[in-house]
Structure formats: C-alpha cells, structure tokens
N, C-alpha and C. Protein backbone atom coordinates (compact mmCIF):
# COMPACT_ATOMS: atom_id res chain seq x y z
N UNK A 1 1.32 -15.21 6.80
CA UNK A 1 1.97 -13.92 6.83
C UNK A 1 2.49 -13.56 5.45
N UNK A 2 2.56 -12.30 5.17
CA UNK A 2 3.06 -11.85 3.88
C UNK A 2 4.56 -11.99 3.82
N UNK A 3 5.04 -12.25 2.65
CA UNK A 3 6.47 -12.23 2.41
C UNK A 3 6.74 -11.20 1.34
N UNK A 4 7.99 -10.86 1.15
CA UNK A 4 8.34 -9.86 0.15
C UNK A 4 7.96 -10.35 -1.24
N UNK A 5 7.88 -11.66 -1.43
CA UNK A 5 7.60 -12.21 -2.75
C UNK A 5 6.10 -12.24 -3.07
N UNK A 6 5.25 -12.23 -2.05
CA UNK A 6 3.82 -12.34 -2.28
C UNK A 6 3.22 -10.99 -2.64
N UNK A 7 2.36 -10.95 -3.66
CA UNK A 7 1.66 -9.69 -3.92
C UNK A 7 0.64 -9.46 -2.80
N UNK A 8 0.40 -8.23 -2.46
CA UNK A 8 -0.58 -7.93 -1.44
C UNK A 8 -1.22 -6.58 -1.74
N UNK A 9 -2.41 -6.45 -1.23
CA UNK A 9 -3.14 -5.20 -1.43
C UNK A 9 -2.88 -4.28 -0.25
N UNK A 10 -2.55 -3.06 -0.54
CA UNK A 10 -2.35 -2.08 0.52
C UNK A 10 -3.73 -1.71 1.04
N UNK A 11 -3.89 -1.77 2.34
CA UNK A 11 -5.20 -1.48 2.91
C UNK A 11 -5.23 -0.13 3.61
N UNK A 12 -4.10 0.31 4.13
CA UNK A 12 -4.06 1.60 4.82
C UNK A 12 -3.78 2.70 3.81
N UNK A 13 -4.40 3.86 3.99
CA UNK A 13 -4.13 4.96 3.07
C UNK A 13 -2.68 5.41 3.18
N UNK A 14 -2.09 5.77 2.05
CA UNK A 14 -0.72 6.27 2.05
C UNK A 14 -0.74 7.74 2.46
N UNK A 15 0.12 8.08 3.39
CA UNK A 15 0.21 9.47 3.83
C UNK A 15 1.67 9.90 3.78
N UNK A 16 1.89 11.17 3.53
CA UNK A 16 3.24 11.72 3.56
C UNK A 16 3.60 11.99 5.01
N UNK A 17 4.71 11.41 5.44
CA UNK A 17 5.16 11.58 6.81
C UNK A 17 6.45 12.37 6.83
N UNK A 18 6.70 13.13 7.89
CA UNK A 18 7.97 13.86 7.98
C UNK A 18 9.11 12.89 8.24
N UNK A 19 10.32 13.29 7.91
CA UNK A 19 11.49 12.47 8.19
C UNK A 19 11.79 11.48 7.08
N UNK A 20 12.63 10.51 7.42
CA UNK A 20 13.09 9.50 6.46
C UNK A 20 11.92 8.69 5.90
N UNK A 21 11.83 8.53 4.59
CA UNK A 21 10.83 7.61 4.03
C UNK A 21 11.16 6.20 4.52
N UNK A 22 10.20 5.57 5.18
CA UNK A 22 10.49 4.29 5.83
C UNK A 22 9.20 3.54 6.09
N UNK A 23 9.18 2.25 5.78
CA UNK A 23 8.01 1.43 6.03
C UNK A 23 7.71 1.32 7.51
N UNK A 24 8.75 1.35 8.37
CA UNK A 24 8.51 1.29 9.82
C UNK A 24 7.73 2.52 10.27
N UNK A 25 8.10 3.69 9.78
CA UNK A 25 7.39 4.92 10.14
C UNK A 25 5.94 4.85 9.65
N UNK A 26 5.74 4.36 8.44
CA UNK A 26 4.39 4.25 7.90
C UNK A 26 3.56 3.25 8.71
N UNK A 27 4.17 2.13 9.11
CA UNK A 27 3.46 1.13 9.91
C UNK A 27 3.10 1.71 11.28
N UNK A 28 4.04 2.43 11.89
CA UNK A 28 3.76 3.03 13.20
C UNK A 28 2.66 4.08 13.11
N UNK A 29 2.54 4.73 11.97
CA UNK A 29 1.46 5.68 11.77
C UNK A 29 0.10 4.99 11.90
N UNK A 30 0.04 3.71 11.51
CA UNK A 30 -1.21 2.94 11.55
C UNK A 30 -1.39 2.25 12.90
N UNK A 31 -0.37 1.57 13.41
CA UNK A 31 -0.53 0.72 14.60
C UNK A 31 0.39 1.10 15.75
N UNK A 32 1.05 2.24 15.67
CA UNK A 32 2.07 2.56 16.66
C UNK A 32 1.58 3.12 17.97
N UNK A 33 0.31 3.39 18.11
CA UNK A 33 -0.21 3.90 19.36
C UNK A 33 -0.48 2.72 20.29
N UNK A 34 -0.16 2.87 21.56
CA UNK A 34 -0.26 1.79 22.55
C UNK A 34 -1.58 1.03 22.50
N UNK A 35 -2.69 1.77 22.52
CA UNK A 35 -4.00 1.09 22.58
C UNK A 35 -4.30 0.33 21.30
N UNK A 36 -3.76 0.78 20.18
CA UNK A 36 -3.98 0.07 18.92
C UNK A 36 -3.32 -1.30 18.98
N UNK A 37 -2.05 -1.35 19.36
CA UNK A 37 -1.36 -2.64 19.42
C UNK A 37 -1.93 -3.55 20.50
N UNK A 38 -2.35 -2.98 21.62
CA UNK A 38 -2.95 -3.82 22.66
C UNK A 38 -4.30 -4.37 22.21
N UNK A 39 -5.05 -3.60 21.43
CA UNK A 39 -6.31 -4.12 20.87
C UNK A 39 -6.02 -5.26 19.90
N UNK A 40 -5.00 -5.09 19.05
CA UNK A 40 -4.62 -6.17 18.13
C UNK A 40 -4.20 -7.41 18.93
N UNK A 41 -3.43 -7.20 20.02
CA UNK A 41 -3.03 -8.33 20.86
C UNK A 41 -4.25 -9.08 21.37
N UNK A 42 -5.24 -8.36 21.89
CA UNK A 42 -6.42 -9.02 22.44
C UNK A 42 -7.20 -9.79 21.39
N UNK A 43 -7.34 -9.21 20.22
CA UNK A 43 -8.06 -9.91 19.15
C UNK A 43 -7.26 -11.13 18.72
N UNK A 44 -5.95 -11.01 18.64
CA UNK A 44 -5.06 -12.13 18.34
C UNK A 44 -5.22 -13.23 19.39
N UNK A 45 -5.40 -12.85 20.66
CA UNK A 45 -5.58 -13.82 21.74
C UNK A 45 -6.98 -14.44 21.72
N UNK A 46 -7.87 -13.94 20.85
CA UNK A 46 -9.20 -14.54 20.73
C UNK A 46 -10.32 -13.75 21.39
N UNK A 47 -10.04 -12.56 21.87
CA UNK A 47 -11.06 -11.72 22.47
C UNK A 47 -11.59 -10.76 21.41
N UNK A 48 -12.82 -10.99 20.98
CA UNK A 48 -13.36 -10.27 19.83
C UNK A 48 -14.36 -9.18 20.19
N UNK A 49 -14.88 -9.20 21.40
CA UNK A 49 -15.91 -8.23 21.77
C UNK A 49 -15.31 -7.04 22.49
N UNK A 50 -15.93 -5.89 22.24
CA UNK A 50 -15.42 -4.63 22.78
C UNK A 50 -15.20 -4.70 24.29
N UNK A 51 -16.17 -5.25 25.03
CA UNK A 51 -16.06 -5.31 26.49
C UNK A 51 -14.79 -6.05 26.93
N UNK A 52 -14.51 -7.18 26.30
CA UNK A 52 -13.32 -7.96 26.66
C UNK A 52 -12.05 -7.22 26.27
N UNK A 53 -12.07 -6.59 25.10
CA UNK A 53 -10.89 -5.84 24.66
C UNK A 53 -10.63 -4.68 25.61
N UNK A 54 -11.68 -3.97 26.00
CA UNK A 54 -11.54 -2.84 26.93
C UNK A 54 -11.02 -3.32 28.28
N UNK A 55 -11.61 -4.38 28.81
CA UNK A 55 -11.19 -4.91 30.11
C UNK A 55 -9.73 -5.35 30.09
N UNK A 56 -9.34 -6.06 29.04
CA UNK A 56 -8.01 -6.67 29.01
C UNK A 56 -6.90 -5.72 28.60
N UNK A 57 -7.25 -4.60 27.97
CA UNK A 57 -6.23 -3.61 27.64
C UNK A 57 -6.11 -2.54 28.70
N UNK A 58 -7.20 -2.29 29.42
CA UNK A 58 -7.22 -1.18 30.37
C UNK A 58 -7.39 0.16 29.69
N UNK A 59 -7.71 0.14 28.41
CA UNK A 59 -7.84 1.39 27.64
C UNK A 59 -9.10 2.14 28.03
N UNK A 60 -9.03 3.47 28.05
CA UNK A 60 -10.26 4.25 28.20
C UNK A 60 -11.19 3.91 27.02
N UNK A 61 -12.45 3.73 27.32
CA UNK A 61 -13.41 3.26 26.31
C UNK A 61 -13.46 4.15 25.07
N UNK A 62 -13.42 5.48 25.27
CA UNK A 62 -13.49 6.37 24.12
C UNK A 62 -12.24 6.23 23.24
N UNK A 63 -11.07 6.10 23.87
CA UNK A 63 -9.84 5.93 23.09
C UNK A 63 -9.83 4.59 22.36
N UNK A 64 -10.27 3.54 23.06
CA UNK A 64 -10.31 2.22 22.43
C UNK A 64 -11.25 2.23 21.23
N UNK A 65 -12.41 2.84 21.38
CA UNK A 65 -13.36 2.93 20.26
C UNK A 65 -12.72 3.66 19.08
N UNK A 66 -12.01 4.74 19.37
CA UNK A 66 -11.34 5.50 18.29
C UNK A 66 -10.24 4.65 17.64
N UNK A 67 -9.48 3.92 18.43
CA UNK A 67 -8.41 3.09 17.86
C UNK A 67 -8.98 1.95 17.01
N UNK A 68 -10.04 1.33 17.49
CA UNK A 68 -10.65 0.25 16.71
C UNK A 68 -11.21 0.80 15.40
N UNK A 69 -11.79 2.01 15.42
CA UNK A 69 -12.27 2.63 14.17
C UNK A 69 -11.11 2.87 13.22
N UNK A 70 -10.00 3.40 13.73
CA UNK A 70 -8.87 3.69 12.85
C UNK A 70 -8.24 2.39 12.33
N UNK A 71 -8.21 1.34 13.15
CA UNK A 71 -7.69 0.04 12.69
C UNK A 71 -8.61 -0.55 11.62
N UNK A 72 -9.91 -0.33 11.77
CA UNK A 72 -10.86 -0.80 10.75
C UNK A 72 -10.67 -0.02 9.45
N UNK A 73 -10.52 1.29 9.54
CA UNK A 73 -10.31 2.12 8.34
C UNK A 73 -9.00 1.75 7.64
N UNK A 74 -8.00 1.33 8.40
CA UNK A 74 -6.71 0.95 7.83
C UNK A 74 -6.70 -0.48 7.32
N UNK A 75 -7.79 -1.22 7.53
CA UNK A 75 -7.86 -2.59 7.04
C UNK A 75 -7.15 -3.60 7.92
N UNK A 76 -6.91 -3.25 9.19
CA UNK A 76 -6.23 -4.17 10.12
C UNK A 76 -7.24 -5.07 10.82
N UNK A 77 -8.41 -4.51 11.14
CA UNK A 77 -9.49 -5.29 11.75
C UNK A 77 -10.76 -5.09 10.94
N UNK A 78 -11.69 -6.01 11.14
CA UNK A 78 -13.02 -5.86 10.54
C UNK A 78 -14.06 -6.14 11.61
N UNK A 79 -15.19 -5.43 11.50
CA UNK A 79 -16.30 -5.66 12.43
C UNK A 79 -17.24 -6.66 11.81
N UNK A 80 -17.71 -7.58 12.65
CA UNK A 80 -18.71 -8.56 12.21
C UNK A 80 -19.87 -8.54 13.20
N UNK A 81 -21.09 -8.43 12.69
CA UNK A 81 -22.24 -8.38 13.61
C UNK A 81 -22.43 -9.73 14.31
N UNK A 82 -22.78 -9.66 15.61
CA UNK A 82 -23.14 -10.88 16.33
C UNK A 82 -24.51 -10.75 16.98
N UNK A 83 -25.09 -9.54 16.94
CA UNK A 83 -26.43 -9.32 17.50
C UNK A 83 -27.10 -8.21 16.69
N UNK A 84 -28.38 -8.44 16.35
CA UNK A 84 -29.10 -7.43 15.56
C UNK A 84 -29.75 -6.36 16.42
N UNK A 85 -30.37 -6.77 17.55
CA UNK A 85 -31.08 -5.81 18.40
C UNK A 85 -30.65 -5.98 19.83
N UNK A 86 -29.94 -5.08 20.39
CA UNK A 86 -29.32 -3.93 19.73
C UNK A 86 -28.16 -4.37 18.85
N UNK A 87 -27.79 -3.55 17.87
CA UNK A 87 -26.68 -3.94 17.01
C UNK A 87 -25.38 -4.04 17.81
N UNK A 88 -24.71 -5.19 17.71
CA UNK A 88 -23.45 -5.42 18.40
C UNK A 88 -22.49 -6.08 17.41
N UNK A 89 -21.21 -5.75 17.56
CA UNK A 89 -20.21 -6.24 16.63
C UNK A 89 -19.04 -6.87 17.37
N UNK A 90 -18.40 -7.81 16.71
CA UNK A 90 -17.14 -8.37 17.16
C UNK A 90 -16.05 -7.85 16.23
N UNK A 91 -14.84 -7.85 16.73
CA UNK A 91 -13.69 -7.41 15.94
C UNK A 91 -12.83 -8.62 15.61
N UNK A 92 -12.45 -8.71 14.34
CA UNK A 92 -11.60 -9.81 13.87
C UNK A 92 -10.45 -9.23 13.06
N UNK A 93 -9.31 -9.90 13.13
CA UNK A 93 -8.16 -9.47 12.36
C UNK A 93 -8.33 -9.83 10.89
N UNK A 94 -7.93 -8.94 10.03
CA UNK A 94 -7.87 -9.22 8.60
C UNK A 94 -6.52 -9.88 8.32
N UNK A 95 -6.23 -10.18 7.07
CA UNK A 95 -4.90 -10.70 6.73
C UNK A 95 -3.82 -9.73 7.19
N UNK A 96 -4.08 -8.44 6.99
CA UNK A 96 -3.15 -7.41 7.43
C UNK A 96 -2.93 -7.48 8.94
N UNK A 97 -3.99 -7.62 9.69
CA UNK A 97 -3.89 -7.72 11.14
C UNK A 97 -3.19 -8.98 11.60
N UNK A 98 -3.50 -10.11 10.94
CA UNK A 98 -2.82 -11.37 11.31
C UNK A 98 -1.33 -11.29 11.03
N UNK A 99 -0.93 -10.50 10.06
CA UNK A 99 0.50 -10.34 9.77
C UNK A 99 1.23 -9.57 10.87
N UNK A 100 0.49 -9.03 11.84
CA UNK A 100 1.12 -8.38 12.99
C UNK A 100 1.50 -9.37 14.09
N UNK A 101 1.17 -10.64 13.93
CA UNK A 101 1.50 -11.65 14.96
C UNK A 101 2.98 -11.65 15.32
N UNK A 102 3.91 -11.58 14.36
CA UNK A 102 5.32 -11.55 14.77
C UNK A 102 5.70 -10.29 15.55
N UNK A 103 4.99 -9.19 15.30
CA UNK A 103 5.25 -7.95 16.04
C UNK A 103 4.83 -8.15 17.49
N UNK A 104 3.64 -8.71 17.69
CA UNK A 104 3.16 -8.97 19.05
C UNK A 104 4.12 -9.94 19.74
N UNK A 105 4.51 -11.00 19.04
CA UNK A 105 5.44 -11.97 19.62
C UNK A 105 6.78 -11.32 19.98
N UNK A 106 7.29 -10.46 19.11
CA UNK A 106 8.56 -9.79 19.38
C UNK A 106 8.44 -8.87 20.60
N UNK A 107 7.32 -8.17 20.74
CA UNK A 107 7.13 -7.31 21.90
C UNK A 107 7.03 -8.14 23.19
N UNK A 108 6.34 -9.29 23.12
CA UNK A 108 6.28 -10.18 24.27
C UNK A 108 7.67 -10.67 24.65
N UNK A 109 8.43 -11.12 23.65
CA UNK A 109 9.79 -11.62 23.91
C UNK A 109 10.67 -10.54 24.51
N UNK A 110 10.61 -9.34 23.96
CA UNK A 110 11.42 -8.24 24.45
C UNK A 110 11.04 -7.89 25.89
N UNK A 111 9.73 -7.81 26.15
CA UNK A 111 9.26 -7.51 27.51
C UNK A 111 9.68 -8.58 28.49
N UNK A 112 9.62 -9.87 28.07
CA UNK A 112 10.07 -10.96 28.93
C UNK A 112 11.55 -10.83 29.26
N UNK A 113 12.34 -10.43 28.29
CA UNK A 113 13.78 -10.36 28.49
C UNK A 113 14.23 -9.11 29.24
N UNK A 114 13.62 -7.96 28.94
CA UNK A 114 14.16 -6.70 29.42
C UNK A 114 13.28 -5.95 30.43
N UNK A 115 12.01 -6.35 30.60
CA UNK A 115 11.13 -5.55 31.44
C UNK A 115 10.60 -6.33 32.64
N UNK A 116 10.03 -7.50 32.42
CA UNK A 116 9.40 -8.26 33.50
C UNK A 116 10.27 -9.43 33.94
N UNK A 117 10.18 -9.77 35.21
CA UNK A 117 10.95 -10.92 35.70
C UNK A 117 10.25 -12.23 35.40
N UNK A 118 8.93 -12.25 35.45
CA UNK A 118 8.16 -13.45 35.16
C UNK A 118 7.46 -13.29 33.82
N UNK A 119 7.22 -14.40 33.14
CA UNK A 119 6.55 -14.37 31.84
C UNK A 119 5.05 -14.53 32.06
N UNK A 120 4.28 -13.42 32.01
CA UNK A 120 2.84 -13.53 32.26
C UNK A 120 2.07 -14.16 31.11
N UNK A 121 2.63 -14.16 29.91
CA UNK A 121 1.99 -14.75 28.74
C UNK A 121 3.06 -15.54 27.99
N UNK A 122 2.75 -16.79 27.66
CA UNK A 122 3.67 -17.62 26.91
C UNK A 122 2.95 -18.10 25.66
N UNK A 123 3.57 -17.92 24.51
CA UNK A 123 2.98 -18.42 23.27
C UNK A 123 3.36 -19.90 23.14
N UNK A 124 2.38 -20.71 22.80
CA UNK A 124 2.57 -22.15 22.66
C UNK A 124 2.50 -22.50 21.17
N UNK A 125 3.48 -23.27 20.72
CA UNK A 125 3.50 -23.73 19.33
C UNK A 125 2.98 -25.16 19.28
N UNK A 126 1.98 -25.38 18.44
CA UNK A 126 1.42 -26.70 18.23
C UNK A 126 1.70 -27.10 16.80
N UNK A 127 2.81 -27.84 16.56
CA UNK A 127 3.19 -28.18 15.19
C UNK A 127 2.07 -28.91 14.45
N UNK A 128 1.96 -28.61 13.17
CA UNK A 128 0.99 -29.31 12.34
C UNK A 128 1.47 -30.75 12.18
N UNK A 129 0.58 -31.67 12.44
CA UNK A 129 0.93 -33.09 12.35
C UNK A 129 0.31 -33.70 11.10
N UNK A 130 1.01 -34.68 10.54
CA UNK A 130 0.42 -35.41 9.42
C UNK A 130 -0.53 -36.47 9.99
N UNK A 131 -1.04 -37.35 9.18
CA UNK A 131 -2.00 -38.37 9.61
C UNK A 131 -1.46 -39.30 10.68
N UNK A 132 -0.15 -39.47 10.79
CA UNK A 132 0.45 -40.37 11.77
C UNK A 132 0.81 -39.65 13.07
N UNK A 133 0.40 -38.39 13.21
CA UNK A 133 0.76 -37.63 14.40
C UNK A 133 2.19 -37.13 14.35
N UNK A 134 2.82 -37.21 13.18
CA UNK A 134 4.20 -36.77 13.03
C UNK A 134 4.21 -35.33 12.52
N UNK A 135 5.15 -34.55 13.02
CA UNK A 135 5.31 -33.18 12.55
C UNK A 135 6.26 -33.20 11.36
N UNK A 136 5.70 -33.10 10.16
CA UNK A 136 6.49 -33.06 8.93
C UNK A 136 7.50 -34.21 8.86
N UNK A 137 7.06 -35.45 9.18
CA UNK A 137 7.91 -36.61 9.04
C UNK A 137 8.95 -36.76 10.14
N UNK A 138 8.81 -36.02 11.23
CA UNK A 138 9.77 -36.10 12.32
C UNK A 138 9.12 -36.77 13.52
N UNK A 139 9.64 -36.50 14.70
CA UNK A 139 9.09 -37.07 15.93
C UNK A 139 7.63 -36.64 16.09
N UNK A 140 6.85 -37.36 16.89
CA UNK A 140 5.45 -36.98 17.08
C UNK A 140 5.32 -35.53 17.51
N UNK A 141 4.31 -34.86 16.93
CA UNK A 141 4.09 -33.45 17.23
C UNK A 141 3.61 -33.29 18.66
N UNK A 142 4.13 -32.28 19.35
CA UNK A 142 3.66 -31.96 20.69
C UNK A 142 3.77 -30.45 20.89
N UNK A 143 2.87 -29.94 21.69
CA UNK A 143 2.86 -28.50 21.96
C UNK A 143 4.03 -28.15 22.87
N UNK A 144 4.59 -26.97 22.64
CA UNK A 144 5.72 -26.51 23.44
C UNK A 144 5.78 -24.98 23.41
N UNK A 145 6.49 -24.41 24.39
CA UNK A 145 6.68 -22.96 24.39
C UNK A 145 7.36 -22.55 23.09
N UNK A 146 6.88 -21.48 22.49
CA UNK A 146 7.46 -21.00 21.24
C UNK A 146 8.83 -20.38 21.50
N UNK A 147 9.82 -20.86 20.80
CA UNK A 147 11.16 -20.29 20.81
C UNK A 147 11.46 -19.97 19.36
N UNK A 148 10.94 -18.83 18.90
CA UNK A 148 10.99 -18.48 17.49
C UNK A 148 12.33 -17.83 17.15
N UNK A 149 12.70 -17.98 15.89
CA UNK A 149 13.91 -17.35 15.38
C UNK A 149 13.55 -16.60 14.10
N UNK A 150 14.39 -15.68 13.74
CA UNK A 150 14.23 -14.93 12.51
C UNK A 150 15.04 -15.67 11.46
N UNK A 151 14.35 -16.26 10.48
CA UNK A 151 14.99 -17.08 9.47
C UNK A 151 14.87 -16.41 8.11
N UNK A 152 15.98 -16.35 7.37
CA UNK A 152 15.97 -15.80 6.02
C UNK A 152 15.30 -16.81 5.09
N UNK A 153 14.25 -16.39 4.40
CA UNK A 153 13.54 -17.30 3.48
C UNK A 153 14.39 -17.66 2.26
N UNK A 154 15.36 -16.83 1.90
CA UNK A 154 16.19 -17.10 0.72
C UNK A 154 17.22 -18.19 0.99
N UNK A 155 17.97 -18.04 2.10
CA UNK A 155 19.06 -19.00 2.35
C UNK A 155 18.75 -19.98 3.47
N UNK A 156 17.69 -19.74 4.25
CA UNK A 156 17.32 -20.65 5.32
C UNK A 156 18.12 -20.49 6.60
N UNK A 157 19.01 -19.50 6.66
CA UNK A 157 19.83 -19.31 7.86
C UNK A 157 19.13 -18.40 8.86
N UNK A 158 19.47 -18.59 10.15
CA UNK A 158 18.96 -17.69 11.18
C UNK A 158 19.66 -16.33 11.02
N UNK A 159 18.89 -15.28 11.15
CA UNK A 159 19.41 -13.93 10.99
C UNK A 159 19.87 -13.41 12.35
N UNK A 160 21.07 -12.90 12.40
CA UNK A 160 21.59 -12.25 13.60
C UNK A 160 22.04 -10.84 13.20
N UNK A 161 22.03 -9.93 14.15
CA UNK A 161 22.26 -8.52 13.84
C UNK A 161 23.57 -8.25 13.11
N UNK A 162 24.65 -8.94 13.45
CA UNK A 162 25.93 -8.62 12.80
C UNK A 162 26.02 -9.12 11.36
N UNK A 163 24.96 -9.76 10.86
CA UNK A 163 24.95 -10.20 9.45
C UNK A 163 24.08 -9.29 8.59
N UNK A 164 23.55 -8.22 9.16
CA UNK A 164 22.66 -7.33 8.42
C UNK A 164 23.36 -6.04 8.02
N UNK A 165 23.01 -5.56 6.84
CA UNK A 165 23.40 -4.22 6.41
C UNK A 165 22.13 -3.53 5.93
N UNK A 166 22.21 -2.24 5.75
CA UNK A 166 21.05 -1.46 5.31
C UNK A 166 21.31 -0.93 3.92
N UNK A 167 20.37 -1.15 3.01
CA UNK A 167 20.44 -0.63 1.65
C UNK A 167 19.31 0.39 1.51
N UNK A 168 19.63 1.65 1.63
CA UNK A 168 18.63 2.71 1.55
C UNK A 168 18.31 2.97 0.08
N UNK A 169 17.04 2.83 -0.28
CA UNK A 169 16.63 2.95 -1.68
C UNK A 169 15.75 4.17 -1.93
N UNK A 170 15.53 4.99 -0.92
CA UNK A 170 14.74 6.21 -1.10
C UNK A 170 15.60 7.26 -1.77
N UNK A 171 15.12 7.82 -2.88
CA UNK A 171 15.90 8.86 -3.56
C UNK A 171 16.23 10.01 -2.62
N UNK A 172 17.49 10.44 -2.65
CA UNK A 172 17.92 11.57 -1.85
C UNK A 172 18.30 11.23 -0.42
N UNK A 173 18.31 9.95 -0.06
CA UNK A 173 18.62 9.53 1.30
C UNK A 173 19.73 8.49 1.29
N UNK A 174 20.54 8.48 2.37
CA UNK A 174 21.46 7.39 2.61
C UNK A 174 21.30 6.99 4.09
N UNK A 175 22.16 6.11 4.58
CA UNK A 175 22.00 5.62 5.95
C UNK A 175 22.08 6.73 6.98
N UNK A 176 22.86 7.76 6.73
CA UNK A 176 23.02 8.82 7.73
C UNK A 176 21.91 9.86 7.66
N UNK A 177 21.12 9.86 6.60
CA UNK A 177 20.02 10.81 6.49
C UNK A 177 19.91 11.37 5.09
N UNK A 178 19.28 12.55 4.95
CA UNK A 178 19.14 13.11 3.60
C UNK A 178 20.52 13.51 3.05
N UNK A 179 20.72 13.20 1.78
CA UNK A 179 22.00 13.57 1.12
C UNK A 179 21.91 15.02 0.72
N UNK A 180 23.04 15.67 0.87
CA UNK A 180 23.14 17.06 0.40
C UNK A 180 23.18 17.03 -1.12
N UNK A 181 22.52 17.99 -1.75
CA UNK A 181 22.57 18.02 -3.22
C UNK A 181 24.02 18.17 -3.69
N UNK A 182 24.35 17.45 -4.74
CA UNK A 182 25.70 17.56 -5.27
C UNK A 182 25.86 18.90 -5.99
N UNK A 183 27.11 19.41 -6.08
CA UNK A 183 27.32 20.70 -6.75
C UNK A 183 26.86 20.68 -8.20
N UNK A 184 26.85 19.52 -8.83
CA UNK A 184 26.45 19.45 -10.25
C UNK A 184 24.93 19.39 -10.39
N UNK A 185 24.21 19.29 -9.23
CA UNK A 185 22.76 19.26 -9.31
C UNK A 185 22.20 17.85 -9.44
N UNK A 186 23.05 16.82 -9.38
CA UNK A 186 22.57 15.43 -9.48
C UNK A 186 21.90 14.97 -8.23
C-alpha cells in the first residue's frame, strides 16, 4: 500500500470538483459508485472474470461493464486476455486498486458492526513466517480473523478519533468551509 512518504504515479485524471478541495471527494469521483467498489471487492476476493464479478455483485451487466471501463481508465484495474477466440479478458487490480484493500476492509468492518447481525465475510490474516515457522521472531505463525487497527507510521501508536485534528491546506479554505475574503484583499 502507498504511504505518504512513497512517491507514486497518479493514474486517474485530475478533474475540478465542486465544493471543498479534498482527496476524499476526488477518490469518490473515481470509486465512489456502489458497483465500482463492489467490483473492486470481487477482484480483491480473487474473482477476475466478468461473469463472476456480475454474479457476485448483482450489478446490471451494462452498468458493471461501464464501471469496469471507468476503473480501467482511472488505472484501478487492468484487463488481461485469457482467451483469443473469442477475445475474453480478466480484470486484475493495479497497485492503485490494491491500495483500496483497507477501504474494502473498513466497509466490511463497519457493515459488521452497524448493519448486519452476522459476519458473512471474514478477512483472515496469515502472518508471514520466517524459515522456522515463526512470525517475525515471535510465536509460530497461524491464520486468524483479522482485527486490524489504524497505526500511525511515524510514532507507532494506534490512532483513535479524539487524537486527530484537521489541518486544512487548501488556499481559501478552513475547517468550516471557504474563508471570506479579508477586507485588505489577502
């Protein structure tokens, strides 16, 4: 996954959006439609062919085809041929698409907590083991339900909402919205 420190290539075209300049708004412009995120979920789950993605999302075929095209144009997915006659393609996540894994996980977690009583999908974490079957020099690695946390890469602490503040860096904006021009014109 990308971090703020890693250089990365922008794959989606930049567009001017109404309202507050915000990366969340720009991201939602690319992947914010229901069928787009559900298609990403299916590809993340390992379903690469259109038929499986359509079946597992419940999306109307024409809408799904349009969403997959827009995700491909934005650099989130790529098509790879698997049959020449007739031409058939599979869909795979790019680096950009794989970086959506925490978004999918967060939506699953939120739905488990606030929407559904039973967990229909559980993400399993399989720690990387060294040659001795140890996970990074600790107890033997074993698969378990993922209980992920939001960890600050700078200080290593778990992030909780009451420790966050917002630093708005868009010219002409503050946390409450657009700033009124000052009388001096600044």
